[in-house]
Amino acid sequence: MTNNDLSLAFENCVIASAWKTPDSQILDTPEIYKLTNKAAPYEFMNGIYRTRLNSENADKEIDTHFQFYRDNKISFRWYAFPHSQPADLVRRIEELHPKGVTEMQCLYARTDDPAFAIPNGVAVEELSSGNLEDYIEANIAGWNPSGEQAERIRREIRTDFEKGDMGYRAFLARCDGTPASTGLMRIVPNAGYFYGGSTRPEFRRKGAYRGLVAYRLRLLCAQEIPMAFVLAIKATSAPICRKLGFNLACECRSYDFSF
């Protein structure tokens, strides 16, 4: 695959993995992919994932979508990939004064790469009723949210699991039997998308996350799915993933707006 092919594949992967609900409103055209969840207050549940606009009408289109979110007081996220159009999309978004920007690297790995192996002392298991509470506690300890946020996360994980239709697969890694790290995976066309990694501080750099990656790659390889994708924050998780063996496809940015 060329770099442009990989860039497009990542855009499609992020779109396929976007957090949709039965009440989501979706605008899906060759020019725009826009997701709106009016009941959800989080940027990651609302946003523009595809932007390929003709430069002649870009200002009008960008302003229309921005005003929609602002008028409805919906926080949202706007992605800019290397192939996004117009070519100066980043400048145009930044002129809207986002509250934050995240620089990310689009990373990929072959699922049959023998370099990925589960370290000794690490065991990985898929989420089940038997390990649900261990999974929740490891997840929360890794993210270290506030008390109110922790309760929300705990409640949402239990609700998703009890519904039996999570839309993603969740995994728990143990270090010498102790719950240490959690991670998620969605199956998208011809690839697995890894996200949501969380490791308890005392188990970082001890192989827990490496084990999660290797285990998920094995599952994908067994299903003859050739690629795994990670959209990683450039300054933090990207160096970890690249050290594990992921390759760089391209870089992108996401811009958060809050009203």
Protein backbone atom coordinates (compact mmCIF):
# COMPACT_ATOMS: atom_id res chain seq x y z
CA MET A 1 0.00 0.00 0.00
CA THR A 2 1.17 3.53 -0.78
CA ASN A 3 1.28 6.21 1.90
CA ASN A 4 -1.87 7.76 0.43
CA ASP A 5 -3.61 4.36 0.49
CA LEU A 6 -2.64 3.96 4.15
CA SER A 7 -3.82 7.48 4.97
CA LEU A 8 -7.21 6.73 3.40
CA ALA A 9 -7.33 3.37 5.19
CA PHE A 10 -6.81 5.14 8.52
CA GLU A 11 -9.57 7.63 7.80
CA ASN A 12 -11.94 4.76 6.96
CA CYS A 13 -10.80 2.91 10.08
CA VAL A 14 -11.54 5.89 12.33
CA ILE A 15 -14.94 6.33 10.67
CA ALA A 16 -15.80 2.65 11.09
CA SER A 17 -14.72 2.81 14.73
CA ALA A 18 -16.58 6.01 15.60
CA TRP A 19 -18.82 5.66 18.65
CA LYS A 20 -22.27 5.34 17.15
CA THR A 21 -25.56 4.81 18.95
CA PRO A 22 -29.10 4.09 17.68
CA ASP A 23 -29.77 7.83 18.00
CA SER A 24 -26.68 8.97 16.10
CA GLN A 25 -27.17 11.34 13.20
CA ILE A 26 -24.75 10.63 10.34
CA LEU A 27 -23.96 12.66 7.26
CA ASP A 28 -21.93 10.44 4.92
CA THR A 29 -20.99 11.91 1.53
CA PRO A 30 -17.80 11.84 -0.55
CA GLU A 31 -17.06 15.31 0.83
CA ILE A 32 -17.97 14.97 4.52
CA TYR A 33 -18.45 12.32 7.18
CA LYS A 34 -20.14 13.97 10.15
CA LEU A 35 -21.31 12.19 13.29
CA THR A 36 -23.64 13.80 15.83
CA ASN A 37 -24.81 12.39 19.16
CA LYS A 38 -26.77 15.26 20.68
CA ALA A 39 -27.22 13.50 24.00
CA ALA A 40 -23.48 12.87 24.39
CA PRO A 41 -21.38 15.71 25.84
CA TYR A 42 -18.01 14.33 24.76
CA GLU A 43 -15.90 15.51 21.83
CA PHE A 44 -15.00 11.95 20.83
CA MET A 45 -18.68 11.09 20.25
CA ASN A 46 -19.30 13.99 17.86
CA GLY A 47 -17.20 15.12 14.98
CA ILE A 48 -16.10 15.43 11.39
CA TYR A 49 -13.97 12.53 10.26
CA ARG A 50 -13.80 13.10 6.50
CA THR A 51 -13.23 16.48 4.88
CA ARG A 52 -12.69 16.61 1.12
CA LEU A 53 -14.07 19.96 0.04
CA ASN A 54 -13.60 21.96 -3.10
CA SER A 55 -11.48 24.97 -2.13
CA GLU A 56 -13.95 27.34 -3.79
CA ASN A 57 -16.77 26.55 -1.37
CA ALA A 58 -14.71 25.27 1.57
CA ASP A 59 -15.14 28.36 3.73
CA LYS A 60 -18.93 28.21 3.47
CA GLU A 61 -19.07 24.46 4.17
CA ILE A 62 -16.68 24.65 7.11
CA ASP A 63 -18.59 27.55 8.62
CA THR A 64 -21.94 25.76 8.19
CA HIS A 65 -20.79 22.65 10.05
CA PHE A 66 -19.01 24.64 12.75
CA GLN A 67 -22.07 26.82 13.34
CA PHE A 68 -24.26 23.72 13.62
CA TYR A 69 -22.23 22.36 16.53
CA ARG A 70 -21.86 25.76 18.17
CA ASP A 71 -25.55 26.66 17.87
CA ASN A 72 -26.52 23.31 19.40
CA LYS A 73 -23.78 23.59 22.06
CA ILE A 74 -22.34 20.22 21.05
CA SER A 75 -18.65 19.63 21.73
CA PHE A 76 -16.99 17.93 18.78
CA ARG A 77 -13.74 16.79 17.19
CA TRP A 78 -12.47 17.58 13.70
CA TYR A 79 -9.87 15.31 12.06
CA ALA A 80 -7.35 16.45 9.46
CA PHE A 81 -5.49 13.77 7.50
CA PRO A 82 -2.71 14.28 4.92
CA HIS A 83 -5.18 13.69 2.08
CA SER A 84 -7.92 15.94 3.52
CA GLN A 85 -9.07 18.80 1.31
CA PRO A 86 -8.73 21.68 0.85
CA ALA A 87 -4.95 21.52 1.14
CA ASP A 88 -4.98 24.27 3.77
CA LEU A 89 -7.67 22.62 5.91
CA VAL A 90 -5.45 22.76 9.01
CA ARG A 91 -5.13 26.54 8.72
CA ARG A 92 -8.87 26.95 8.24
CA ILE A 93 -9.70 24.80 11.27
CA GLU A 94 -7.16 26.57 13.45
CA GLU A 95 -8.76 29.92 12.57
CA LEU A 96 -11.89 28.64 14.35
CA HIS A 97 -9.89 28.63 17.61
CA PRO A 98 -10.21 25.06 18.86
CA LYS A 99 -9.73 24.51 22.57
CA GLY A 100 -7.14 21.83 21.91
CA VAL A 101 -5.19 20.05 19.21
CA THR A 102 -3.75 16.55 19.34
CA GLU A 103 -0.95 15.48 17.03
CA MET A 104 -1.20 11.79 16.23
CA GLN A 105 0.61 9.11 14.31
CA CYS A 106 -1.22 6.53 12.24
CA LEU A 107 0.59 3.25 12.93
CA TYR A 108 0.16 -0.21 11.46
CA ALA A 109 1.49 -3.74 11.87
CA ARG A 110 1.19 -6.99 9.97
CA THR A 111 -0.75 -9.51 12.01
CA ASP A 112 1.64 -12.32 11.00
CA ASP A 113 4.74 -10.43 12.18
CA PRO A 114 6.68 -12.88 14.39
CA ALA A 115 8.37 -10.01 16.25
CA PHE A 116 5.27 -9.63 18.44
CA ALA A 117 5.21 -12.15 21.29
CA ILE A 118 3.53 -12.37 24.69
CA PRO A 119 6.20 -11.90 27.41
CA ASN A 120 6.77 -14.48 30.11
CA GLY A 121 4.58 -13.88 33.15
CA VAL A 122 1.87 -12.13 31.11
CA ALA A 123 -1.47 -13.79 30.37
CA VAL A 124 -4.22 -12.22 28.28
CA GLU A 125 -7.92 -13.05 28.35
CA GLU A 126 -10.99 -11.64 26.69
CA LEU A 127 -13.59 -9.84 28.81
CA SER A 128 -16.10 -12.19 30.41
CA SER A 129 -18.46 -12.31 33.38
CA GLY A 130 -15.69 -14.00 35.35
CA ASN A 131 -13.17 -11.17 34.96
CA LEU A 132 -15.46 -8.17 34.54
CA GLU A 133 -14.66 -6.62 37.92
CA ASP A 134 -10.90 -7.19 37.48
CA TYR A 135 -11.13 -5.58 34.06
CA ILE A 136 -12.99 -2.55 35.41
CA GLU A 137 -10.55 -1.97 38.25
CA ALA A 138 -7.49 -2.31 36.00
CA ASN A 139 -9.02 0.03 33.44
CA ILE A 140 -9.85 2.70 36.00
CA ALA A 141 -6.48 2.41 37.73
CA GLY A 142 -4.73 2.88 34.40
CA TRP A 143 -6.64 6.02 33.45
CA ASN A 144 -6.77 7.39 37.03
CA PRO A 145 -9.92 9.47 36.50
CA SER A 146 -11.62 11.58 39.17
CA GLY A 147 -14.12 9.95 41.53
CA GLU A 148 -17.15 10.99 39.48
CA GLN A 149 -15.53 9.99 36.19
CA ALA A 150 -14.46 6.66 37.65
CA GLU A 151 -18.02 5.86 38.62
CA ARG A 152 -19.25 6.82 35.16
CA ILE A 153 -16.66 4.56 33.51
CA ARG A 154 -17.52 1.69 35.86
CA ARG A 155 -21.22 2.08 35.12
CA GLU A 156 -20.74 2.36 31.34
CA ILE A 157 -18.51 -0.72 31.11
CA ARG A 158 -21.00 -2.81 33.08
CA THR A 159 -23.91 -1.52 30.98
CA ASP A 160 -22.13 -2.26 27.68
CA PHE A 161 -21.21 -5.75 28.83
CA GLU A 162 -24.66 -6.58 30.18
CA LYS A 163 -26.32 -5.46 26.94
CA GLY A 164 -24.28 -8.11 25.13
CA ASP A 165 -23.78 -5.92 22.07
CA MET A 166 -20.67 -3.91 22.83
CA GLY A 167 -19.56 -3.29 19.24
CA TYR A 168 -15.98 -3.92 20.31
CA ARG A 169 -13.92 -6.64 21.96
CA ALA A 170 -12.20 -5.99 25.27
CA PHE A 171 -9.14 -7.69 26.75
CA LEU A 172 -7.42 -7.94 30.12
CA ALA A 173 -3.72 -8.64 30.62
CA ARG A 174 -2.45 -10.01 33.91
CA CYS A 175 1.11 -9.85 35.18
CA ASP A 176 1.79 -12.90 37.35
CA GLY A 177 -1.95 -13.17 37.89
CA THR A 178 -2.59 -9.54 38.86
CA PRO A 179 -4.91 -7.46 36.60
CA ALA A 180 -2.53 -5.02 34.93
CA SER A 181 -3.69 -3.67 31.57
CA THR A 182 -6.76 -3.40 29.37
CA GLY A 183 -7.31 -2.75 25.68
CA LEU A 184 -10.06 -2.67 23.08
CA MET A 185 -10.35 -3.81 19.47
CA ARG A 186 -12.84 -3.23 16.70
CA ILE A 187 -12.87 -5.26 13.51
CA VAL A 188 -13.03 -2.93 10.50
CA PRO A 189 -12.69 -3.82 6.79
CA ASN A 190 -9.48 -5.86 6.37
CA ALA A 191 -8.02 -4.69 9.67
CA GLY A 192 -8.28 -4.62 13.43
CA TYR A 193 -8.30 -1.25 15.17
CA PHE A 194 -6.60 -1.18 18.59
CA TYR A 195 -7.54 1.59 21.01
CA GLY A 196 -8.38 2.37 24.61
CA GLY A 197 -5.17 0.98 26.09
CA SER A 198 -4.85 1.48 29.84
CA THR A 199 -2.09 0.11 32.11
CA ARG A 200 -1.82 0.44 35.87
CA PRO A 201 1.21 2.60 36.73
CA GLU A 202 2.97 -0.12 38.72
CA PHE A 203 2.85 -2.48 35.72
CA ARG A 204 4.07 -0.13 33.03
CA ARG A 205 7.20 -1.27 31.16
CA LYS A 206 6.66 -4.81 32.44
CA GLY A 207 5.20 -6.32 29.27
CA ALA A 208 1.46 -6.06 29.96
CA TYR A 209 0.66 -3.85 26.98
CA ARG A 210 3.06 -5.80 24.76
CA GLY A 211 1.11 -8.92 25.65
CA LEU A 212 -2.20 -7.24 24.79
CA VAL A 213 -0.87 -6.25 21.38
CA ALA A 214 0.55 -9.70 20.60
CA TYR A 215 -2.62 -11.49 21.70
CA ARG A 216 -4.87 -9.34 19.53
CA LEU A 217 -2.55 -9.73 16.55
CA ARG A 218 -2.77 -13.51 16.93
CA LEU A 219 -6.55 -13.37 16.96
CA LEU A 220 -6.60 -11.27 13.79
CA CYS A 221 -4.07 -13.49 12.04
CA ALA A 222 -6.16 -16.57 12.85
CA GLN A 223 -9.10 -14.85 11.13
CA GLU A 224 -6.89 -14.03 8.10
CA ILE A 225 -7.14 -10.30 8.78
CA PRO A 226 -3.79 -8.94 7.59
CA MET A 227 -3.40 -5.57 9.30
CA ALA A 228 -3.76 -3.89 12.67
CA PHE A 229 -4.07 -0.12 13.06
CA VAL A 230 -3.41 2.20 16.00
CA LEU A 231 -4.11 5.93 16.05
CA ALA A 232 -1.59 6.99 18.69
CA ILE A 233 -0.83 10.31 20.34
CA LYS A 234 2.51 11.40 18.91
CA ALA A 235 4.04 12.55 22.19
CA THR A 236 2.98 9.66 24.42
CA SER A 237 1.65 6.34 23.12
CA ALA A 238 3.14 6.50 19.61
CA PRO A 239 6.76 5.99 20.76
CA ILE A 240 5.63 2.99 22.83
CA CYS A 241 3.83 1.41 19.90
CA ARG A 242 6.72 2.04 17.52
CA LYS A 243 9.14 0.49 19.98
CA LEU A 244 6.91 -2.59 20.03
CA GLY A 245 7.17 -2.85 16.24
CA PHE A 246 4.40 -0.74 14.71
CA ASN A 247 5.25 1.21 11.54
CA LEU A 248 4.40 4.80 10.68
CA ALA A 249 1.86 5.29 7.88
CA CYS A 250 1.24 9.03 8.24
CA GLU A 251 0.50 11.73 10.78
CA CYS A 252 -2.78 13.51 11.43
CA ARG A 253 -4.33 15.98 13.83
CA SER A 254 -7.57 16.20 15.73
CA TYR A 255 -9.03 19.47 16.92
CA ASP A 256 -11.40 19.66 19.88
CA PHE A 257 -14.10 22.30 20.18
CA SER A 258 -16.23 22.84 23.27
CA PHE A 259 -19.18 25.20 23.76
